[in-house]
Amino acid sequence: MARRCPITGRGTTSGQQIARRGLPKKKGGIGLKTTGHTRRKFKVNVQQKRIWVQELGRFVRVRVSTRGLKLIDKRGAYVVLREAGLLPKGVNKEPKN
């Protein structure tokens, strides 16, 4: 299973860890020198969660990133999960009022 958040669309990205050596100028040195670059991956913090959806009156199980959880808190579970297409079959329609 891919490490990707279905709500935010974020996935694993690649980057570098930079090794530095020396005393910073701020502390009286001649400055930091870069001594190497190591390739690395930045992984998304994906969690398996059961989210209560008030409009459906039930829990929905989702693998979501922590940023996606903040989005659910801010905008509401039903709206966010509907836009991401994560609601169970037959409930992706607008609620009838």
PDB file of N, CA and C in Angstrom:
ATOM      1  N   MET A   1       0.842  -1.176   0.000  1.00  0.00           N
ATOM      2  CA  MET A   1       0.000   0.000   0.000  1.00  0.00           C
ATOM      3  C   MET A   1       0.892   1.245   0.000  1.00  0.00           C
ATOM      4  N   ALA A   2       0.590   2.188  -0.837  1.00  0.00           N
ATOM      5  CA  ALA A   2       1.417   3.378  -0.973  1.00  0.00           C
ATOM      6  C   ALA A   2       1.281   4.274   0.248  1.00  0.00           C
ATOM      7  N   ARG A   3       2.368   4.934   0.598  1.00  0.00           N
ATOM      8  CA  ARG A   3       2.331   5.879   1.707  1.00  0.00           C
ATOM      9  C   ARG A   3       1.902   7.225   1.126  1.00  0.00           C
ATOM     10  N   ARG A   4       0.622   7.365   0.928  1.00  0.00           N
ATOM     11  CA  ARG A   4       0.059   8.575   0.351  1.00  0.00           C
ATOM     12  C   ARG A   4      -1.235   8.898   1.073  1.00  0.00           C
ATOM     13  N   CYS A   5      -1.449  10.174   1.359  1.00  0.00           N
ATOM     14  CA  CYS A   5      -2.679  10.601   2.016  1.00  0.00           C
ATOM     15  C   CYS A   5      -3.738  10.853   0.945  1.00  0.00           C
ATOM     16  N   PRO A   6      -4.894  10.180   1.024  1.00  0.00           N
ATOM     17  CA  PRO A   6      -5.924  10.386   0.008  1.00  0.00           C
ATOM     18  C   PRO A   6      -6.602  11.750   0.112  1.00  0.00           C
ATOM     19  N   ILE A   7      -6.497  12.405   1.244  1.00  0.00           N
ATOM     20  CA  ILE A   7      -7.154  13.704   1.431  1.00  0.00           C
ATOM     21  C   ILE A   7      -6.282  14.835   0.895  1.00  0.00           C
ATOM     22  N   THR A   8      -5.021  14.881   1.301  1.00  0.00           N
ATOM     23  CA  THR A   8      -4.139  15.963   0.869  1.00  0.00           C
ATOM     24  C   THR A   8      -3.387  15.627  -0.410  1.00  0.00           C
ATOM     25  N   GLY A   9      -3.268  14.335  -0.741  1.00  0.00           N
ATOM     26  CA  GLY A   9      -2.546  13.915  -1.932  1.00  0.00           C
ATOM     27  C   GLY A   9      -1.041  13.882  -1.757  1.00  0.00           C
ATOM     28  N   ARG A  10      -0.566  14.101  -0.540  1.00  0.00           N
ATOM     29  CA  ARG A  10       0.870  14.121  -0.301  1.00  0.00           C
ATOM     30  C   ARG A  10       1.435  12.718  -0.214  1.00  0.00           C
ATOM     31  N   GLY A  11       2.622  12.554  -0.758  1.00  0.00           N
ATOM     32  CA  GLY A  11       3.298  11.267  -0.729  1.00  0.00           C
ATOM     33  C   GLY A  11       4.744  11.443  -0.303  1.00  0.00           C
ATOM     34  N   THR A  12       5.521  10.381  -0.403  1.00  0.00           N
ATOM     35  CA  THR A  12       6.932  10.424  -0.039  1.00  0.00           C
ATOM     36  C   THR A  12       7.688  11.294  -1.034  1.00  0.00           C
ATOM     37  N   THR A  13       8.521  12.188  -0.507  1.00  0.00           N
ATOM     38  CA  THR A  13       9.361  13.026  -1.355  1.00  0.00           C
ATOM     39  C   THR A  13      10.820  12.751  -1.022  1.00  0.00           C
ATOM     40  N   SER A  14      11.707  13.062  -1.948  1.00  0.00           N
ATOM     41  CA  SER A  14      13.125  12.830  -1.709  1.00  0.00           C
ATOM     42  C   SER A  14      13.826  14.156  -1.480  1.00  0.00           C
ATOM     43  N   GLY A  15      14.949  14.070  -0.789  1.00  0.00           N
ATOM     44  CA  GLY A  15      15.715  15.264  -0.489  1.00  0.00           C
ATOM     45  C   GLY A  15      17.110  14.886  -0.056  1.00  0.00           C
ATOM     46  N   GLN A  16      17.732  15.760   0.729  1.00  0.00           N
ATOM     47  CA  GLN A  16      19.094  15.519   1.177  1.00  0.00           C
ATOM     48  C   GLN A  16      19.246  15.897   2.634  1.00  0.00           C
ATOM     49  N   GLN A  17      20.124  15.159   3.315  1.00  0.00           N
ATOM     50  CA  GLN A  17      20.557  15.548   4.646  1.00  0.00           C
ATOM     51  C   GLN A  17      21.947  16.130   4.459  1.00  0.00           C
ATOM     52  N   ILE A  18      22.159  17.358   4.912  1.00  0.00           N
ATOM     53  CA  ILE A  18      23.417  18.051   4.674  1.00  0.00           C
ATOM     54  C   ILE A  18      24.276  17.974   5.937  1.00  0.00           C
ATOM     55  N   ALA A  19      25.501  17.449   5.798  1.00  0.00           N
ATOM     56  CA  ALA A  19      26.445  17.373   6.912  1.00  0.00           C
ATOM     57  C   ALA A  19      27.270  18.651   6.922  1.00  0.00           C
ATOM     58  N   ARG A  20      27.343  19.293   8.087  1.00  0.00           N
ATOM     59  CA  ARG A  20      28.087  20.549   8.214  1.00  0.00           C
ATOM     60  C   ARG A  20      29.124  20.419   9.317  1.00  0.00           C
ATOM     61  N   ARG A  21      30.173  21.229   9.202  1.00  0.00           N
ATOM     62  CA  ARG A  21      31.262  21.171  10.163  1.00  0.00           C
ATOM     63  C   ARG A  21      31.790  22.582  10.372  1.00  0.00           C
ATOM     64  N   GLY A  22      32.218  22.892  11.576  1.00  0.00           N
ATOM     65  CA  GLY A  22      32.807  24.190  11.870  1.00  0.00           C
ATOM     66  C   GLY A  22      31.993  24.965  12.890  1.00  0.00           C
ATOM     67  N   LEU A  23      32.535  26.072  13.323  1.00  0.00           N
ATOM     68  CA  LEU A  23      31.892  26.926  14.316  1.00  0.00           C
ATOM     69  C   LEU A  23      31.191  28.078  13.596  1.00  0.00           C
ATOM     70  N   PRO A  24      29.910  28.331  13.905  1.00  0.00           N
ATOM     71  CA  PRO A  24      29.195  29.417  13.227  1.00  0.00           C
ATOM     72  C   PRO A  24      29.847  30.777  13.475  1.00  0.00           C
ATOM     73  N   LYS A  25      29.690  31.674  12.532  1.00  0.00           N
ATOM     74  CA  LYS A  25      30.230  33.025  12.676  1.00  0.00           C
ATOM     75  C   LYS A  25      29.643  33.724  13.890  1.00  0.00           C
ATOM     76  N   LYS A  26      28.379  33.423  14.172  1.00  0.00           N
ATOM     77  CA  LYS A  26      27.697  34.025  15.310  1.00  0.00           C
ATOM     78  C   LYS A  26      28.415  33.697  16.623  1.00  0.00           C
ATOM     79  N   LYS A  27      29.065  32.523  16.654  1.00  0.00           N
ATOM     80  CA  LYS A  27      29.754  32.086  17.871  1.00  0.00           C
ATOM     81  C   LYS A  27      31.259  32.323  17.797  1.00  0.00           C
ATOM     82  N   GLY A  28      31.705  33.159  16.859  1.00  0.00           N
ATOM     83  CA  GLY A  28      33.113  33.521  16.789  1.00  0.00           C
ATOM     84  C   GLY A  28      33.954  32.676  15.858  1.00  0.00           C
ATOM     85  N   GLY A  29      33.339  31.794  15.096  1.00  0.00           N
ATOM     86  CA  GLY A  29      34.093  30.940  14.180  1.00  0.00           C
ATOM     87  C   GLY A  29      34.191  31.551  12.794  1.00  0.00           C
ATOM     88  N   ILE A  30      34.658  30.750  11.840  1.00  0.00           N
ATOM     89  CA  ILE A  30      34.785  31.243  10.467  1.00  0.00           C
ATOM     90  C   ILE A  30      33.610  30.805   9.603  1.00  0.00           C
ATOM     91  N   GLY A  31      32.633  30.150  10.218  1.00  0.00           N
ATOM     92  CA  GLY A  31      31.428  29.768   9.485  1.00  0.00           C
ATOM     93  C   GLY A  31      31.332  28.269   9.287  1.00  0.00           C
ATOM     94  N   LEU A  32      30.114  27.810   9.043  1.00  0.00           N
ATOM     95  CA  LEU A  32      29.870  26.386   8.821  1.00  0.00           C
ATOM     96  C   LEU A  32      30.247  26.009   7.395  1.00  0.00           C
ATOM     97  N   LYS A  33      30.876  24.867   7.251  1.00  0.00           N
ATOM     98  CA  LYS A  33      31.255  24.354   5.935  1.00  0.00           C
ATOM     99  C   LYS A  33      30.474  23.071   5.671  1.00  0.00           C
ATOM    100  N   THR A  34      29.994  22.927   4.461  1.00  0.00           N
ATOM    101  CA  THR A  34      29.271  21.718   4.072  1.00  0.00           C
ATOM    102  C   THR A  34      30.291  20.645   3.711  1.00  0.00           C
ATOM    103  N   THR A  35      30.141  19.468   4.338  1.00  0.00           N
ATOM    104  CA  THR A  35      31.104  18.393   4.085  1.00  0.00           C
ATOM    105  C   THR A  35      30.484  17.216   3.350  1.00  0.00           C
ATOM    106  N   GLY A  36      29.181  17.227   3.143  1.00  0.00           N
ATOM    107  CA  GLY A  36      28.591  16.113   2.415  1.00  0.00           C
ATOM    108  C   GLY A  36      27.085  16.202   2.322  1.00  0.00           C
ATOM    109  N   HIS A  37      26.549  15.473   1.352  1.00  0.00           N
ATOM    110  CA  HIS A  37      25.108  15.373   1.152  1.00  0.00           C
ATOM    111  C   HIS A  37      24.736  13.898   1.137  1.00  0.00           C
ATOM    112  N   THR A  38      23.727  13.539   1.891  1.00  0.00           N
ATOM    113  CA  THR A  38      23.232  12.165   1.899  1.00  0.00           C
ATOM    114  C   THR A  38      21.791  12.176   1.421  1.00  0.00           C
ATOM    115  N   ARG A  39      21.501  11.356   0.420  1.00  0.00           N
ATOM    116  CA  ARG A  39      20.130  11.274  -0.090  1.00  0.00           C
ATOM    117  C   ARG A  39      19.235  10.661   0.973  1.00  0.00           C
ATOM    118  N   ARG A  40      18.018  11.172   1.093  1.00  0.00           N
ATOM    119  CA  ARG A  40      17.079  10.637   2.067  1.00  0.00           C
ATOM    120  C   ARG A  40      15.664  10.821   1.563  1.00  0.00           C
ATOM    121  N   LYS A  41      14.704  10.240   2.275  1.00  0.00           N
ATOM    122  CA  LYS A  41      13.296  10.367   1.917  1.00  0.00           C
ATOM    123  C   LYS A  41      12.539  11.004   3.066  1.00  0.00           C
ATOM    124  N   PHE A  42      11.643  11.902   2.710  1.00  0.00           N
ATOM    125  CA  PHE A  42      10.744  12.508   3.681  1.00  0.00           C
ATOM    126  C   PHE A  42       9.416  11.787   3.552  1.00  0.00           C
ATOM    127  N   LYS A  43       9.049  11.034   4.585  1.00  0.00           N
ATOM    128  CA  LYS A  43       7.836  10.226   4.527  1.00  0.00           C
ATOM    129  C   LYS A  43       6.666  10.960   5.165  1.00  0.00           C
ATOM    130  N   VAL A  44       5.489  10.734   4.616  1.00  0.00           N
ATOM    131  CA  VAL A  44       4.268  11.339   5.137  1.00  0.00           C
ATOM    132  C   VAL A  44       3.848  10.576   6.390  1.00  0.00           C
ATOM    133  N   ASN A  45       3.404  11.310   7.399  1.00  0.00           N
ATOM    134  CA  ASN A  45       2.972  10.699   8.658  1.00  0.00           C
ATOM    135  C   ASN A  45       1.537  10.195   8.487  1.00  0.00           C
ATOM    136  N   VAL A  46       1.391   8.972   7.959  1.00  0.00           N
ATOM    137  CA  VAL A  46       0.073   8.399   7.666  1.00  0.00           C
ATOM    138  C   VAL A  46      -0.362   7.517   8.828  1.00  0.00           C
ATOM    139  N   GLN A  47      -1.588   7.718   9.292  1.00  0.00           N
ATOM    140  CA  GLN A  47      -2.146   6.965  10.415  1.00  0.00           C
ATOM    141  C   GLN A  47      -3.425   6.267   9.978  1.00  0.00           C
ATOM    142  N   GLN A  48      -3.668   5.096  10.556  1.00  0.00           N
ATOM    143  CA  GLN A  48      -4.941   4.388  10.336  1.00  0.00           C
ATOM    144  C   GLN A  48      -5.916   4.920  11.386  1.00  0.00           C
ATOM    145  N   LYS A  49      -7.043   5.498  10.968  1.00  0.00           N
ATOM    146  CA  LYS A  49      -7.978   6.123  11.900  1.00  0.00           C
ATOM    147  C   LYS A  49      -9.411   5.718  11.610  1.00  0.00           C
ATOM    148  N   ARG A  50     -10.193   5.652  12.672  1.00  0.00           N
ATOM    149  CA  ARG A  50     -11.647   5.517  12.548  1.00  0.00           C
ATOM    150  C   ARG A  50     -12.216   6.899  12.824  1.00  0.00           C
ATOM    151  N   ILE A  51     -12.873   7.482  11.840  1.00  0.00           N
ATOM    152  CA  ILE A  51     -13.382   8.848  11.961  1.00  0.00           C
ATOM    153  C   ILE A  51     -14.896   8.795  12.049  1.00  0.00           C
ATOM    154  N   TRP A  52     -15.452   9.450  13.070  1.00  0.00           N
ATOM    155  CA  TRP A  52     -16.896   9.507  13.252  1.00  0.00           C
ATOM    156  C   TRP A  52     -17.475  10.522  12.276  1.00  0.00           C
ATOM    157  N   VAL A  53     -18.444  10.075  11.466  1.00  0.00           N
ATOM    158  CA  VAL A  53     -19.127  10.955  10.516  1.00  0.00           C
ATOM    159  C   VAL A  53     -20.543  11.151  11.037  1.00  0.00           C
ATOM    160  N   GLN A  54     -20.820  12.350  11.536  1.00  0.00           N
ATOM    161  CA  GLN A  54     -22.098  12.655  12.183  1.00  0.00           C
ATOM    162  C   GLN A  54     -23.274  12.469  11.226  1.00  0.00           C
ATOM    163  N   GLU A  55     -23.113  12.883   9.972  1.00  0.00           N
ATOM    164  CA  GLU A  55     -24.206  12.813   9.001  1.00  0.00           C
ATOM    165  C   GLU A  55     -24.610  11.378   8.681  1.00  0.00           C
ATOM    166  N   LEU A  56     -23.662  10.453   8.775  1.00  0.00           N
ATOM    167  CA  LEU A  56     -23.950   9.049   8.487  1.00  0.00           C
ATOM    168  C   LEU A  56     -24.295   8.265   9.744  1.00  0.00           C
ATOM    169  N   GLY A  57     -23.897   8.795  10.897  1.00  0.00           N
ATOM    170  CA  GLY A  57     -24.139   8.105  12.158  1.00  0.00           C
ATOM    171  C   GLY A  57     -23.275   6.859  12.308  1.00  0.00           C
ATOM    172  N   ARG A  58     -22.066   6.875  11.761  1.00  0.00           N
ATOM    173  CA  ARG A  58     -21.182   5.716  11.838  1.00  0.00           C
ATOM    174  C   ARG A  58     -19.728   6.132  11.677  1.00  0.00           C
ATOM    175  N   PHE A  59     -18.831   5.186  11.962  1.00  0.00           N
ATOM    176  CA  PHE A  59     -17.405   5.411  11.776  1.00  0.00           C
ATOM    177  C   PHE A  59     -17.006   5.024  10.358  1.00  0.00           C
ATOM    178  N   VAL A  60     -15.991   5.728   9.829  1.00  0.00           N
ATOM    179  CA  VAL A  60     -15.392   5.383   8.543  1.00  0.00           C
ATOM    180  C   VAL A  60     -13.899   5.195   8.798  1.00  0.00           C
ATOM    181  N   ARG A  61     -13.348   4.068   8.346  1.00  0.00           N
ATOM    182  CA  ARG A  61     -11.933   3.767   8.553  1.00  0.00           C
ATOM    183  C   ARG A  61     -11.124   4.311   7.382  1.00  0.00           C
ATOM    184  N   VAL A  62     -10.077   5.102   7.700  1.00  0.00           N
ATOM    185  CA  VAL A  62      -9.300   5.788   6.669  1.00  0.00           C
ATOM    186  C   VAL A  62      -7.820   5.781   7.059  1.00  0.00           C
ATOM    187  N   ARG A  63      -6.932   5.638   6.071  1.00  0.00           N
ATOM    188  CA  ARG A  63      -5.497   5.888   6.269  1.00  0.00           C
ATOM    189  C   ARG A  63      -5.259   7.339   5.867  1.00  0.00           C
ATOM    190  N   VAL A  64      -4.980   8.191   6.830  1.00  0.00           N
ATOM    191  CA  VAL A  64      -4.922   9.628   6.572  1.00  0.00           C
ATOM    192  C   VAL A  64      -3.687  10.220   7.256  1.00  0.00           C
ATOM    193  N   SER A  65      -3.122  11.268   6.650  1.00  0.00           N
ATOM    194  CA  SER A  65      -1.971  11.935   7.251  1.00  0.00           C
ATOM    195  C   SER A  65      -2.445  12.836   8.389  1.00  0.00           C
ATOM    196  N   THR A  66      -1.506  13.238   9.222  1.00  0.00           N
ATOM    197  CA  THR A  66      -1.863  14.091  10.350  1.00  0.00           C
ATOM    198  C   THR A  66      -2.341  15.459   9.861  1.00  0.00           C
ATOM    199  N   ARG A  67      -1.839  15.912   8.734  1.00  0.00           N
ATOM    200  CA  ARG A  67      -2.343  17.166   8.160  1.00  0.00           C
ATOM    201  C   ARG A  67      -3.776  16.992   7.673  1.00  0.00           C
ATOM    202  N   GLY A  68      -4.079  15.815   7.141  1.00  0.00           N
ATOM    203  CA  GLY A  68      -5.449  15.507   6.738  1.00  0.00           C
ATOM    204  C   GLY A  68      -6.395  15.484   7.931  1.00  0.00           C
ATOM    205  N   LEU A  69      -5.906  15.014   9.090  1.00  0.00           N
ATOM    206  CA  LEU A  69      -6.720  15.024  10.308  1.00  0.00           C
ATOM    207  C   LEU A  69      -7.041  16.452  10.735  1.00  0.00           C
ATOM    208  N   LYS A  70      -6.062  17.344  10.601  1.00  0.00           N
ATOM    209  CA  LYS A  70      -6.319  18.752  10.925  1.00  0.00           C
ATOM    210  C   LYS A  70      -7.367  19.339   9.988  1.00  0.00           C
ATOM    211  N   LEU A  71      -7.310  18.929   8.722  1.00  0.00           N
ATOM    212  CA  LEU A  71      -8.283  19.399   7.738  1.00  0.00           C
ATOM    213  C   LEU A  71      -9.683  18.901   8.088  1.00  0.00           C
ATOM    214  N   ILE A  72      -9.779  17.653   8.562  1.00  0.00           N
ATOM    215  CA  ILE A  72     -11.071  17.094   8.973  1.00  0.00           C
ATOM    216  C   ILE A  72     -11.618  17.859  10.171  1.00  0.00           C
ATOM    217  N   ASP A  73     -10.756  18.196  11.132  1.00  0.00           N
ATOM    218  CA  ASP A  73     -11.193  18.977  12.292  1.00  0.00           C
ATOM    219  C   ASP A  73     -11.702  20.353  11.871  1.00  0.00           C
ATOM    220  N   LYS A  74     -11.047  20.942  10.892  1.00  0.00           N
ATOM    221  CA  LYS A  74     -11.376  22.306  10.475  1.00  0.00           C
ATOM    222  C   LYS A  74     -12.651  22.377   9.640  1.00  0.00           C
ATOM    223  N   ARG A  75     -12.775  21.481   8.641  1.00  0.00           N
ATOM    224  CA  ARG A  75     -13.876  21.583   7.682  1.00  0.00           C
ATOM    225  C   ARG A  75     -15.010  20.608   7.919  1.00  0.00           C
ATOM    226  N   GLY A  76     -14.774  19.594   8.739  1.00  0.00           N
ATOM    227  CA  GLY A  76     -15.808  18.600   9.003  1.00  0.00           C
ATOM    228  C   GLY A  76     -15.531  17.307   8.262  1.00  0.00           C
ATOM    229  N   ALA A  77     -15.828  16.189   8.929  1.00  0.00           N
ATOM    230  CA  ALA A  77     -15.496  14.875   8.383  1.00  0.00           C
ATOM    231  C   ALA A  77     -16.271  14.576   7.103  1.00  0.00           C
ATOM    232  N   TYR A  78     -17.570  14.841   7.084  1.00  0.00           N
ATOM    233  CA  TYR A  78     -18.391  14.468   5.937  1.00  0.00           C
ATOM    234  C   TYR A  78     -17.939  15.188   4.668  1.00  0.00           C
ATOM    235  N   VAL A  79     -17.702  16.488   4.779  1.00  0.00           N
ATOM    236  CA  VAL A  79     -17.325  17.301   3.616  1.00  0.00           C
ATOM    237  C   VAL A  79     -15.974  16.844   3.055  1.00  0.00           C
ATOM    238  N   VAL A  80     -14.992  16.676   3.929  1.00  0.00           N
ATOM    239  CA  VAL A  80     -13.640  16.317   3.486  1.00  0.00           C
ATOM    240  C   VAL A  80     -13.612  14.913   2.890  1.00  0.00           C
ATOM    241  N   LEU A  81     -14.260  13.954   3.548  1.00  0.00           N
ATOM    242  CA  LEU A  81     -14.256  12.577   3.051  1.00  0.00           C
ATOM    243  C   LEU A  81     -15.046  12.445   1.753  1.00  0.00           C
ATOM    244  N   ARG A  82     -16.116  13.234   1.605  1.00  0.00           N
ATOM    245  CA  ARG A  82     -16.894  13.195   0.364  1.00  0.00           C
ATOM    246  C   ARG A  82     -16.063  13.729  -0.802  1.00  0.00           C
ATOM    247  N   GLU A  83     -15.353  14.846  -0.588  1.00  0.00           N
ATOM    248  CA  GLU A  83     -14.525  15.424  -1.648  1.00  0.00           C
ATOM    249  C   GLU A  83     -13.387  14.484  -2.054  1.00  0.00           C
ATOM    250  N   ALA A  84     -12.871  13.709  -1.088  1.00  0.00           N
ATOM    251  CA  ALA A  84     -11.780  12.773  -1.381  1.00  0.00           C
ATOM    252  C   ALA A  84     -12.297  11.451  -1.933  1.00  0.00           C
ATOM    253  N   GLY A  85     -13.619  11.247  -1.910  1.00  0.00           N
ATOM    254  CA  GLY A  85     -14.207  10.007  -2.406  1.00  0.00           C
ATOM    255  C   GLY A  85     -13.972   8.828  -1.481  1.00  0.00           C
ATOM    256  N   LEU A  86     -13.919   9.081  -0.182  1.00  0.00           N
ATOM    257  CA  LEU A  86     -13.607   8.036   0.792  1.00  0.00           C
ATOM    258  C   LEU A  86     -14.819   7.520   1.554  1.00  0.00           C
ATOM    259  N   LEU A  87     -16.000   8.018   1.242  1.00  0.00           N
ATOM    260  CA  LEU A  87     -17.196   7.527   1.922  1.00  0.00           C
ATOM    261  C   LEU A  87     -17.607   6.189   1.324  1.00  0.00           C
ATOM    262  N   PRO A  88     -18.273   5.335   2.101  1.00  0.00           N
ATOM    263  CA  PRO A  88     -18.724   4.042   1.575  1.00  0.00           C
ATOM    264  C   PRO A  88     -19.651   4.220   0.380  1.00  0.00           C
ATOM    265  N   LYS A  89     -19.772   3.170  -0.438  1.00  0.00           N
ATOM    266  CA  LYS A  89     -20.587   3.252  -1.651  1.00  0.00           C
ATOM    267  C   LYS A  89     -22.022   3.625  -1.325  1.00  0.00           C
ATOM    268  N   GLY A  90     -22.577   4.516  -2.140  1.00  0.00           N
ATOM    269  CA  GLY A  90     -23.970   4.913  -1.983  1.00  0.00           C
ATOM    270  C   GLY A  90     -24.190   6.105  -1.075  1.00  0.00           C
ATOM    271  N   VAL A  91     -23.124   6.644  -0.458  1.00  0.00           N
ATOM    272  CA  VAL A  91     -23.318   7.793   0.428  1.00  0.00           C
ATOM    273  C   VAL A  91     -22.497   8.999  -0.012  1.00  0.00           C
ATOM    274  N   ASN A  92     -21.996   9.020  -1.246  1.00  0.00           N
ATOM    275  CA  ASN A  92     -21.215  10.150  -1.737  1.00  0.00           C
ATOM    276  C   ASN A  92     -22.089  11.293  -2.237  1.00  0.00           C
ATOM    277  N   LYS A  93     -23.393  11.130  -2.151  1.00  0.00           N
ATOM    278  CA  LYS A  93     -24.294  12.174  -2.631  1.00  0.00           C
ATOM    279  C   LYS A  93     -24.532  13.201  -1.532  1.00  0.00           C
ATOM    280  N   GLU A  94     -25.044  14.374  -1.929  1.00  0.00           N
ATOM    281  CA  GLU A  94     -25.386  15.413  -0.962  1.00  0.00           C
ATOM    282  C   GLU A  94     -26.492  14.923  -0.039  1.00  0.00           C
ATOM    283  N   PRO A  95     -26.430  15.255   1.258  1.00  0.00           N
ATOM    284  CA  PRO A  95     -27.526  14.857   2.145  1.00  0.00           C
ATOM    285  C   PRO A  95     -28.793  15.632   1.809  1.00  0.00           C
ATOM    286  N   LYS A  96     -29.941  14.979   1.899  1.00  0.00           N
ATOM    287  CA  LYS A  96     -31.212  15.632   1.601  1.00  0.00           C
ATOM    288  C   LYS A  96     -31.745  16.278   2.865  1.00  0.00           C
ATOM    289  N   ASN A  97     -32.048  17.576   2.779  1.00  0.00           N
ATOM    290  CA  ASN A  97     -32.575  18.305   3.944  1.00  0.00           C
ATOM    291  C   ASN A  97     -34.034  18.606   3.765  1.00  0.00           C
TER     292      ASN A  97
END
